[in-house]
Amino acid sequence: VIFAQWFFLFPNRQATLGFNAPAFGHWVPVE
């Protein structure tokens, strides 16, 4: 929620179900 915007990237959205989960800065996959 707090740090994904600075630490992580999720380039391959097709590798997930495509459902966005809440986080600051940008979405993260629900997985």
Full PDB file with SEQRES, HELIX, SHEET, SSBOND, CRYST1, ORIGX, SCALE, CONECT and MASTER records, all heavy atoms in Angstrom:
SEQRES   1 A   31  VAL ILE PHE ALA GLN TRP PHE PHE LEU PHE PRO ASN ARG          
SEQRES   2 A   31  GLN ALA THR LEU GLY PHE ASN ALA PRO ALA PHE GLY HIS          
SEQRES   3 A   31  TRP VAL PRO VAL GLU                                          
HELIX    1 AA1 ALA A    4  PHE A    7  1                                   4    
HELIX    2 AA2 ARG A   13  ALA A   15  5                                   3    
SHEET    1 AA1 2 ASN A  20  ALA A  21  0                                        
SHEET    2 AA1 2 VAL A  28  PRO A  29 -1                                        
CRYST1    1.000    1.000    1.000  90.00  90.00  90.00 P 1           1          
ORIGX1      1.000000  0.000000  0.000000        0.00000                         
ORIGX2      0.000000  1.000000  0.000000        0.00000                         
ORIGX3      0.000000  0.000000  1.000000        0.00000                         
SCALE1      1.000000  0.000000  0.000000        0.00000                         
SCALE2      0.000000  1.000000  0.000000        0.00000                         
SCALE3      0.000000  0.000000  1.000000        0.00000                         
ATOM      1  N   VAL A   1       0.830  -1.205   0.000  1.00  0.00           N  
ATOM      2  CA  VAL A   1       0.000   0.000   0.000  1.00  0.00           C  
ATOM      3  C   VAL A   1       0.864   1.254   0.000  1.00  0.00           C  
ATOM      4  O   VAL A   1       0.618   2.209  -0.740  1.00  0.00           O  
ATOM      5  CB  VAL A   1      -0.956  -0.002   1.210  1.00  0.00           C  
ATOM      6  CG1 VAL A   1      -1.658   1.350   1.342  1.00  0.00           C  
ATOM      7  CG2 VAL A   1      -1.986  -1.111   1.077  1.00  0.00           C  
ATOM      8  N   ILE A   2       1.907   1.262   0.812  1.00  0.00           N  
ATOM      9  CA  ILE A   2       2.744   2.462   0.962  1.00  0.00           C  
ATOM     10  C   ILE A   2       3.936   2.451   0.013  1.00  0.00           C  
ATOM     11  O   ILE A   2       4.209   3.434  -0.675  1.00  0.00           O  
ATOM     12  CB  ILE A   2       3.231   2.596   2.419  1.00  0.00           C  
ATOM     13  CG1 ILE A   2       2.048   2.786   3.360  1.00  0.00           C  
ATOM     14  CG2 ILE A   2       4.206   3.764   2.548  1.00  0.00           C  
ATOM     15  CD1 ILE A   2       2.423   2.837   4.820  1.00  0.00           C  
ATOM     16  N   PHE A   3       4.653   1.321  -0.046  1.00  0.00           N  
ATOM     17  CA  PHE A   3       5.966   1.320  -0.680  1.00  0.00           C  
ATOM     18  C   PHE A   3       6.006   0.766  -2.103  1.00  0.00           C  
ATOM     19  O   PHE A   3       7.041   0.881  -2.764  1.00  0.00           O  
ATOM     20  CB  PHE A   3       6.955   0.529   0.180  1.00  0.00           C  
ATOM     21  CG  PHE A   3       7.209   1.136   1.530  1.00  0.00           C  
ATOM     22  CD1 PHE A   3       6.758   0.513   2.686  1.00  0.00           C  
ATOM     23  CD2 PHE A   3       7.905   2.328   1.654  1.00  0.00           C  
ATOM     24  CE1 PHE A   3       6.992   1.059   3.930  1.00  0.00           C  
ATOM     25  CE2 PHE A   3       8.144   2.896   2.889  1.00  0.00           C  
ATOM     26  CZ  PHE A   3       7.684   2.262   4.036  1.00  0.00           C  
ATOM     27  N   ALA A   4       4.933   0.131  -2.572  1.00  0.00           N  
ATOM     28  CA  ALA A   4       4.969  -0.446  -3.920  1.00  0.00           C  
ATOM     29  C   ALA A   4       5.323   0.595  -4.974  1.00  0.00           C  
ATOM     30  O   ALA A   4       6.010   0.301  -5.955  1.00  0.00           O  
ATOM     31  CB  ALA A   4       3.628  -1.091  -4.247  1.00  0.00           C  
ATOM     32  N   GLN A   5       4.872   1.830  -4.786  1.00  0.00           N  
ATOM     33  CA  GLN A   5       5.142   2.882  -5.766  1.00  0.00           C  
ATOM     34  C   GLN A   5       6.628   3.192  -5.894  1.00  0.00           C  
ATOM     35  O   GLN A   5       7.073   3.719  -6.916  1.00  0.00           O  
ATOM     36  CB  GLN A   5       4.386   4.147  -5.373  1.00  0.00           C  
ATOM     37  CG  GLN A   5       4.734   4.679  -3.992  1.00  0.00           C  
ATOM     38  CD  GLN A   5       3.887   5.864  -3.593  1.00  0.00           C  
ATOM     39  OE1 GLN A   5       3.593   6.730  -4.421  1.00  0.00           O  
ATOM     40  NE2 GLN A   5       3.491   5.912  -2.334  1.00  0.00           N  
ATOM     41  N   TRP A   6       7.415   2.863  -4.886  1.00  0.00           N  
ATOM     42  CA  TRP A   6       8.858   3.137  -4.916  1.00  0.00           C  
ATOM     43  C   TRP A   6       9.701   1.880  -5.083  1.00  0.00           C  
ATOM     44  O   TRP A   6      10.829   1.962  -5.568  1.00  0.00           O  
ATOM     45  CB  TRP A   6       9.290   3.838  -3.626  1.00  0.00           C  
ATOM     46  CG  TRP A   6       8.679   5.185  -3.442  1.00  0.00           C  
ATOM     47  CD1 TRP A   6       8.738   6.251  -4.307  1.00  0.00           C  
ATOM     48  CD2 TRP A   6       7.880   5.618  -2.338  1.00  0.00           C  
ATOM     49  NE1 TRP A   6       8.049   7.324  -3.794  1.00  0.00           N  
ATOM     50  CE2 TRP A   6       7.504   6.970  -2.587  1.00  0.00           C  
ATOM     51  CE3 TRP A   6       7.449   5.017  -1.153  1.00  0.00           C  
ATOM     52  CZ2 TRP A   6       6.722   7.699  -1.700  1.00  0.00           C  
ATOM     53  CZ3 TRP A   6       6.673   5.747  -0.274  1.00  0.00           C  
ATOM     54  CH2 TRP A   6       6.322   7.063  -0.543  1.00  0.00           C  
ATOM     55  N   PHE A   7       9.171   0.717  -4.703  1.00  0.00           N  
ATOM     56  CA  PHE A   7       9.976  -0.499  -4.686  1.00  0.00           C  
ATOM     57  C   PHE A   7       9.708  -1.437  -5.855  1.00  0.00           C  
ATOM     58  O   PHE A   7      10.628  -2.069  -6.355  1.00  0.00           O  
ATOM     59  CB  PHE A   7       9.736  -1.289  -3.392  1.00  0.00           C  
ATOM     60  CG  PHE A   7      10.182  -0.586  -2.133  1.00  0.00           C  
ATOM     61  CD1 PHE A   7       9.848  -1.109  -0.894  1.00  0.00           C  
ATOM     62  CD2 PHE A   7      10.927   0.580  -2.177  1.00  0.00           C  
ATOM     63  CE1 PHE A   7      10.246  -0.486   0.269  1.00  0.00           C  
ATOM     64  CE2 PHE A   7      11.324   1.230  -1.013  1.00  0.00           C  
ATOM     65  CZ  PHE A   7      10.980   0.687   0.217  1.00  0.00           C  
ATOM     66  N   PHE A   8       8.447  -1.566  -6.282  1.00  0.00           N  
ATOM     67  CA  PHE A   8       8.068  -2.649  -7.186  1.00  0.00           C  
ATOM     68  C   PHE A   8       7.467  -2.149  -8.494  1.00  0.00           C  
ATOM     69  O   PHE A   8       6.969  -1.033  -8.593  1.00  0.00           O  
ATOM     70  CB  PHE A   8       7.047  -3.579  -6.502  1.00  0.00           C  
ATOM     71  CG  PHE A   8       7.463  -4.041  -5.144  1.00  0.00           C  
ATOM     72  CD1 PHE A   8       6.638  -3.839  -4.045  1.00  0.00           C  
ATOM     73  CD2 PHE A   8       8.672  -4.673  -4.952  1.00  0.00           C  
ATOM     74  CE1 PHE A   8       7.018  -4.255  -2.774  1.00  0.00           C  
ATOM     75  CE2 PHE A   8       9.067  -5.099  -3.692  1.00  0.00           C  
ATOM     76  CZ  PHE A   8       8.237  -4.885  -2.604  1.00  0.00           C  
ATOM     77  N   LEU A   9       7.522  -3.044  -9.490  1.00  0.00           N  
ATOM     78  CA  LEU A   9       6.858  -2.843 -10.776  1.00  0.00           C  
ATOM     79  C   LEU A   9       6.134  -4.142 -11.133  1.00  0.00           C  
ATOM     80  O   LEU A   9       6.564  -5.228 -10.731  1.00  0.00           O  
ATOM     81  CB  LEU A   9       7.878  -2.510 -11.874  1.00  0.00           C  
ATOM     82  CG  LEU A   9       8.689  -1.221 -11.712  1.00  0.00           C  
ATOM     83  CD1 LEU A   9       9.834  -1.200 -12.720  1.00  0.00           C  
ATOM     84  CD2 LEU A   9       7.804  -0.010 -11.890  1.00  0.00           C  
ATOM     85  N   PHE A  10       5.063  -4.032 -11.902  1.00  0.00           N  
ATOM     86  CA  PHE A  10       4.308  -5.211 -12.333  1.00  0.00           C  
ATOM     87  C   PHE A  10       4.065  -5.106 -13.839  1.00  0.00           C  
ATOM     88  O   PHE A  10       2.969  -4.786 -14.292  1.00  0.00           O  
ATOM     89  CB  PHE A  10       2.992  -5.299 -11.555  1.00  0.00           C  
ATOM     90  CG  PHE A  10       3.190  -5.365 -10.057  1.00  0.00           C  
ATOM     91  CD1 PHE A  10       3.123  -4.208  -9.285  1.00  0.00           C  
ATOM     92  CD2 PHE A  10       3.478  -6.561  -9.439  1.00  0.00           C  
ATOM     93  CE1 PHE A  10       3.325  -4.256  -7.917  1.00  0.00           C  
ATOM     94  CE2 PHE A  10       3.676  -6.625  -8.072  1.00  0.00           C  
ATOM     95  CZ  PHE A  10       3.603  -5.466  -7.304  1.00  0.00           C  
ATOM     96  N   PRO A  11       5.125  -5.386 -14.629  1.00  0.00           N  
ATOM     97  CA  PRO A  11       5.039  -5.146 -16.083  1.00  0.00           C  
ATOM     98  C   PRO A  11       4.060  -6.069 -16.813  1.00  0.00           C  
ATOM     99  O   PRO A  11       3.422  -5.645 -17.769  1.00  0.00           O  
ATOM    100  CB  PRO A  11       6.479  -5.393 -16.562  1.00  0.00           C  
ATOM    101  CG  PRO A  11       7.329  -5.386 -15.327  1.00  0.00           C  
ATOM    102  CD  PRO A  11       6.449  -5.865 -14.231  1.00  0.00           C  
ATOM    103  N   ASN A  12       3.973  -7.324 -16.408  1.00  0.00           N  
ATOM    104  CA  ASN A  12       3.196  -8.315 -17.152  1.00  0.00           C  
ATOM    105  C   ASN A  12       1.828  -8.491 -16.514  1.00  0.00           C  
ATOM    106  O   ASN A  12       1.602  -9.395 -15.703  1.00  0.00           O  
ATOM    107  CB  ASN A  12       3.948  -9.643 -17.193  1.00  0.00           C  
ATOM    108  CG  ASN A  12       3.265 -10.664 -18.084  1.00  0.00           C  
ATOM    109  OD1 ASN A  12       2.200 -10.401 -18.643  1.00  0.00           O  
ATOM    110  ND2 ASN A  12       3.865 -11.832 -18.213  1.00  0.00           N  
ATOM    111  N   ARG A  13       0.903  -7.666 -16.894  1.00  0.00           N  
ATOM    112  CA  ARG A  13      -0.426  -7.742 -16.292  1.00  0.00           C  
ATOM    113  C   ARG A  13      -1.170  -9.001 -16.698  1.00  0.00           C  
ATOM    114  O   ARG A  13      -2.061  -9.471 -15.988  1.00  0.00           O  
ATOM    115  CB  ARG A  13      -1.233  -6.503 -16.689  1.00  0.00           C  
ATOM    116  CG  ARG A  13      -2.521  -6.356 -15.915  1.00  0.00           C  
ATOM    117  CD  ARG A  13      -3.173  -5.025 -16.131  1.00  0.00           C  
ATOM    118  NE  ARG A  13      -4.386  -4.907 -15.335  1.00  0.00           N  
ATOM    119  CZ  ARG A  13      -5.163  -3.832 -15.321  1.00  0.00           C  
ATOM    120  NH1 ARG A  13      -4.834  -2.776 -16.060  1.00  0.00           N  
ATOM    121  NH2 ARG A  13      -6.248  -3.799 -14.578  1.00  0.00           N  
ATOM    122  N   GLN A  14      -0.788  -9.573 -17.847  1.00  0.00           N  
ATOM    123  CA  GLN A  14      -1.456 -10.801 -18.303  1.00  0.00           C  
ATOM    124  C   GLN A  14      -1.107 -12.006 -17.435  1.00  0.00           C  
ATOM    125  O   GLN A  14      -1.752 -13.054 -17.538  1.00  0.00           O  
ATOM    126  CB  GLN A  14      -1.090 -11.074 -19.757  1.00  0.00           C  
ATOM    127  CG  GLN A  14      -1.652 -10.027 -20.722  1.00  0.00           C  
ATOM    128  CD  GLN A  14      -1.205 -10.271 -22.145  1.00  0.00           C  
ATOM    129  OE1 GLN A  14      -0.052 -10.586 -22.397  1.00  0.00           O  
ATOM    130  NE2 GLN A  14      -2.130 -10.143 -23.092  1.00  0.00           N  
ATOM    131  N   ALA A  15      -0.082 -11.854 -16.588  1.00  0.00           N  
ATOM    132  CA  ALA A  15       0.274 -12.937 -15.677  1.00  0.00           C  
ATOM    133  C   ALA A  15      -0.619 -12.957 -14.445  1.00  0.00           C  
ATOM    134  O   ALA A  15      -0.483 -13.840 -13.599  1.00  0.00           O  
ATOM    135  CB  ALA A  15       1.728 -12.800 -15.243  1.00  0.00           C  
ATOM    136  N   THR A  16      -1.513 -11.994 -14.339  1.00  0.00           N  
ATOM    137  CA  THR A  16      -2.425 -11.910 -13.204  1.00  0.00           C  
ATOM    138  C   THR A  16      -3.867 -12.016 -13.677  1.00  0.00           C  
ATOM    139  O   THR A  16      -4.136 -12.089 -14.885  1.00  0.00           O  
ATOM    140  CB  THR A  16      -2.234 -10.573 -12.458  1.00  0.00           C  
ATOM    141  OG1 THR A  16      -2.724  -9.505 -13.287  1.00  0.00           O  
ATOM    142  CG2 THR A  16      -0.772 -10.337 -12.137  1.00  0.00           C  
ATOM    143  N   LEU A  17      -4.798 -11.977 -12.733  1.00  0.00           N  
ATOM    144  CA  LEU A  17      -6.213 -11.990 -13.085  1.00  0.00           C  
ATOM    145  C   LEU A  17      -6.666 -10.653 -13.666  1.00  0.00           C  
ATOM    146  O   LEU A  17      -7.751 -10.562 -14.244  1.00  0.00           O  
ATOM    147  CB  LEU A  17      -7.058 -12.318 -11.845  1.00  0.00           C  
ATOM    148  CG  LEU A  17      -6.908 -13.743 -11.295  1.00  0.00           C  
ATOM    149  CD1 LEU A  17      -7.698 -13.871  -9.990  1.00  0.00           C  
ATOM    150  CD2 LEU A  17      -7.374 -14.778 -12.302  1.00  0.00           C  
ATOM    151  N   GLY A  18      -5.838  -9.631 -13.474  1.00  0.00           N  
ATOM    152  CA  GLY A  18      -6.164  -8.310 -14.011  1.00  0.00           C  
ATOM    153  C   GLY A  18      -6.985  -7.448 -13.077  1.00  0.00           C  
ATOM    154  O   GLY A  18      -7.432  -6.366 -13.468  1.00  0.00           O  
ATOM    155  N   PHE A  19      -7.181  -7.897 -11.842  1.00  0.00           N  
ATOM    156  CA  PHE A  19      -7.934  -7.109 -10.875  1.00  0.00           C  
ATOM    157  C   PHE A  19      -6.983  -6.199 -10.106  1.00  0.00           C  
ATOM    158  O   PHE A  19      -6.000  -6.672  -9.525  1.00  0.00           O  
ATOM    159  CB  PHE A  19      -8.695  -8.011  -9.895  1.00  0.00           C  
ATOM    160  CG  PHE A  19      -9.708  -8.886 -10.560  1.00  0.00           C  
ATOM    161  CD1 PHE A  19      -9.823 -10.223 -10.200  1.00  0.00           C  
ATOM    162  CD2 PHE A  19     -10.554  -8.390 -11.540  1.00  0.00           C  
ATOM    163  CE1 PHE A  19     -10.757 -11.045 -10.801  1.00  0.00           C  
ATOM    164  CE2 PHE A  19     -11.491  -9.202 -12.148  1.00  0.00           C  
ATOM    165  CZ  PHE A  19     -11.590 -10.534 -11.787  1.00  0.00           C  
ATOM    166  N   ASN A  20      -7.266  -4.906 -10.112  1.00  0.00           N  
ATOM    167  CA  ASN A  20      -6.425  -3.960  -9.402  1.00  0.00           C  
ATOM    168  C   ASN A  20      -6.769  -3.939  -7.916  1.00  0.00           C  
ATOM    169  O   ASN A  20      -7.941  -3.983  -7.535  1.00  0.00           O  
ATOM    170  CB  ASN A  20      -6.602  -2.546  -9.972  1.00  0.00           C  
ATOM    171  CG  ASN A  20      -6.114  -2.456 -11.402  1.00  0.00           C  
ATOM    172  OD1 ASN A  20      -5.441  -3.366 -11.891  1.00  0.00           O  
ATOM    173  ND2 ASN A  20      -6.434  -1.378 -12.074  1.00  0.00           N  
ATOM    174  N   ALA A  21      -5.745  -3.861  -7.086  1.00  0.00           N  
ATOM    175  CA  ALA A  21      -5.933  -3.730  -5.646  1.00  0.00           C  
ATOM    176  C   ALA A  21      -5.408  -2.362  -5.224  1.00  0.00           C  
ATOM    177  O   ALA A  21      -4.496  -1.813  -5.845  1.00  0.00           O  
ATOM    178  CB  ALA A  21      -5.186  -4.840  -4.915  1.00  0.00           C  
ATOM    179  N   PRO A  22      -5.977  -1.773  -4.170  1.00  0.00           N  
ATOM    180  CA  PRO A  22      -5.597  -0.414  -3.789  1.00  0.00           C  
ATOM    181  C   PRO A  22      -4.170  -0.323  -3.269  1.00  0.00           C  
ATOM    182  O   PRO A  22      -3.681  -1.210  -2.569  1.00  0.00           O  
ATOM    183  CB  PRO A  22      -6.595  -0.071  -2.673  1.00  0.00           C  
ATOM    184  CG  PRO A  22      -7.015  -1.397  -2.133  1.00  0.00           C  
ATOM    185  CD  PRO A  22      -7.012  -2.330  -3.286  1.00  0.00           C  
ATOM    186  N   ALA A  23      -3.503   0.739  -3.667  1.00  0.00           N  
ATOM    187  CA  ALA A  23      -2.160   1.058  -3.177  1.00  0.00           C  
ATOM    188  C   ALA A  23      -1.882   2.510  -3.543  1.00  0.00           C  
ATOM    189  O   ALA A  23      -2.463   3.036  -4.495  1.00  0.00           O  
ATOM    190  CB  ALA A  23      -1.108   0.142  -3.790  1.00  0.00           C  
ATOM    191  N   PHE A  24      -0.999   3.144  -2.785  1.00  0.00           N  
ATOM    192  CA  PHE A  24      -0.651   4.526  -3.085  1.00  0.00           C  
ATOM    193  C   PHE A  24       0.226   4.576  -4.335  1.00  0.00           C  
ATOM    194  O   PHE A  24       1.093   3.734  -4.533  1.00  0.00           O  
ATOM    195  CB  PHE A  24       0.100   5.164  -1.919  1.00  0.00           C  
ATOM    196  CG  PHE A  24      -0.705   5.262  -0.657  1.00  0.00           C  
ATOM    197  CD1 PHE A  24      -0.091   5.247   0.581  1.00  0.00           C  
ATOM    198  CD2 PHE A  24      -2.085   5.377  -0.697  1.00  0.00           C  
ATOM    199  CE1 PHE A  24      -0.823   5.338   1.750  1.00  0.00           C  
ATOM    200  CE2 PHE A  24      -2.834   5.473   0.463  1.00  0.00           C  
ATOM    201  CZ  PHE A  24      -2.194   5.453   1.690  1.00  0.00           C  
ATOM    202  N   GLY A  25       0.021   5.558  -5.171  1.00  0.00           N  
ATOM    203  CA  GLY A  25       0.903   5.782  -6.308  1.00  0.00           C  
ATOM    204  C   GLY A  25       0.475   5.071  -7.570  1.00  0.00           C  
ATOM    205  O   GLY A  25       0.313   5.696  -8.601  1.00  0.00           O  
ATOM    206  N   HIS A  26       0.314   3.749  -7.520  1.00  0.00           N  
ATOM    207  CA  HIS A  26      -0.149   3.000  -8.687  1.00  0.00           C  
ATOM    208  C   HIS A  26      -0.752   1.689  -8.214  1.00  0.00           C  
ATOM    209  O   HIS A  26      -0.562   1.264  -7.072  1.00  0.00           O  
ATOM    210  CB  HIS A  26       0.982   2.753  -9.696  1.00  0.00           C  
ATOM    211  CG  HIS A  26       2.115   1.923  -9.168  1.00  0.00           C  
ATOM    212  ND1 HIS A  26       2.042   0.562  -9.028  1.00  0.00           N  
ATOM    213  CD2 HIS A  26       3.366   2.259  -8.748  1.00  0.00           C  
ATOM    214  CE1 HIS A  26       3.185   0.095  -8.565  1.00  0.00           C  
ATOM    215  NE2 HIS A  26       4.007   1.105  -8.375  1.00  0.00           N  
ATOM    216  N   TRP A  27      -1.476   1.026  -9.098  1.00  0.00           N  
ATOM    217  CA  TRP A  27      -2.171  -0.200  -8.747  1.00  0.00           C  
ATOM    218  C   TRP A  27      -1.177  -1.328  -8.474  1.00  0.00           C  
ATOM    219  O   TRP A  27      -0.037  -1.321  -8.918  1.00  0.00           O  
ATOM    220  CB  TRP A  27      -3.118  -0.607  -9.876  1.00  0.00           C  
ATOM    221  CG  TRP A  27      -2.414  -1.038 -11.138  1.00  0.00           C  
ATOM    222  CD1 TRP A  27      -1.961  -0.237 -12.136  1.00  0.00           C  
ATOM    223  CD2 TRP A  27      -2.040  -2.371 -11.501  1.00  0.00           C  
ATOM    224  NE1 TRP A  27      -1.347  -0.981 -13.115  1.00  0.00           N  
ATOM    225  CE2 TRP A  27      -1.386  -2.302 -12.742  1.00  0.00           C  
ATOM    226  CE3 TRP A  27      -2.211  -3.621 -10.902  1.00  0.00           C  
ATOM    227  CZ2 TRP A  27      -0.885  -3.430 -13.393  1.00  0.00           C  
ATOM    228  CZ3 TRP A  27      -1.718  -4.743 -11.549  1.00  0.00           C  
ATOM    229  CH2 TRP A  27      -1.068  -4.638 -12.787  1.00  0.00           C  
ATOM    230  N   VAL A  28      -1.661  -2.318  -7.728  1.00  0.00           N  
ATOM    231  CA  VAL A  28      -0.938  -3.576  -7.573  1.00  0.00           C  
ATOM    232  C   VAL A  28      -1.940  -4.698  -7.853  1.00  0.00           C  
ATOM    233  O   VAL A  28      -3.130  -4.542  -7.612  1.00  0.00           O  
ATOM    234  CB  VAL A  28      -0.345  -3.742  -6.159  1.00  0.00           C  
ATOM    235  CG1 VAL A  28       0.664  -2.655  -5.857  1.00  0.00           C  
ATOM    236  CG2 VAL A  28      -1.434  -3.767  -5.090  1.00  0.00           C  
ATOM    237  N   PRO A  29      -1.483  -5.821  -8.384  1.00  0.00           N  
ATOM    238  CA  PRO A  29      -2.414  -6.923  -8.639  1.00  0.00           C  
ATOM    239  C   PRO A  29      -2.944  -7.498  -7.331  1.00  0.00           C  
ATOM    240  O   PRO A  29      -2.231  -7.524  -6.322  1.00  0.00           O  
ATOM    241  CB  PRO A  29      -1.560  -7.946  -9.403  1.00  0.00           C  
ATOM    242  CG  PRO A  29      -0.160  -7.610  -9.049  1.00  0.00           C  
ATOM    243  CD  PRO A  29      -0.112  -6.138  -8.824  1.00  0.00           C  
ATOM    244  N   VAL A  30      -4.167  -7.970  -7.349  1.00  0.00           N  
ATOM    245  CA  VAL A  30      -4.776  -8.523  -6.138  1.00  0.00           C  
ATOM    246  C   VAL A  30      -3.987  -9.730  -5.627  1.00  0.00           C  
ATOM    247  O   VAL A  30      -4.016 -10.058  -4.430  1.00  0.00           O  
ATOM    248  CB  VAL A  30      -6.247  -8.894  -6.414  1.00  0.00           C  
ATOM    249  CG1 VAL A  30      -6.337 -10.118  -7.330  1.00  0.00           C  
ATOM    250  CG2 VAL A  30      -7.000  -9.120  -5.114  1.00  0.00           C  
ATOM    251  N   GLU A  31      -3.252 -10.377  -6.521  1.00  0.00           N  
ATOM    252  CA  GLU A  31      -2.423 -11.515  -6.109  1.00  0.00           C  
ATOM    253  C   GLU A  31      -1.395 -11.135  -5.045  1.00  0.00           C  
ATOM    254  O   GLU A  31      -0.981 -11.992  -4.250  1.00  0.00           O  
ATOM    255  CB  GLU A  31      -1.690 -12.102  -7.328  1.00  0.00           C  
ATOM    256  CG  GLU A  31      -2.544 -12.931  -8.255  1.00  0.00           C  
ATOM    257  CD  GLU A  31      -3.305 -12.104  -9.268  1.00  0.00           C  
ATOM    258  OE1 GLU A  31      -3.264 -10.845  -9.184  1.00  0.00           O  
ATOM    259  OE2 GLU A  31      -3.941 -12.694 -10.167  1.00  0.00           O  
TER     260      GLU A  31                                                      
MASTER        0    0    0    2    2    0    0    6  259    1    0    3          
END                                                                             
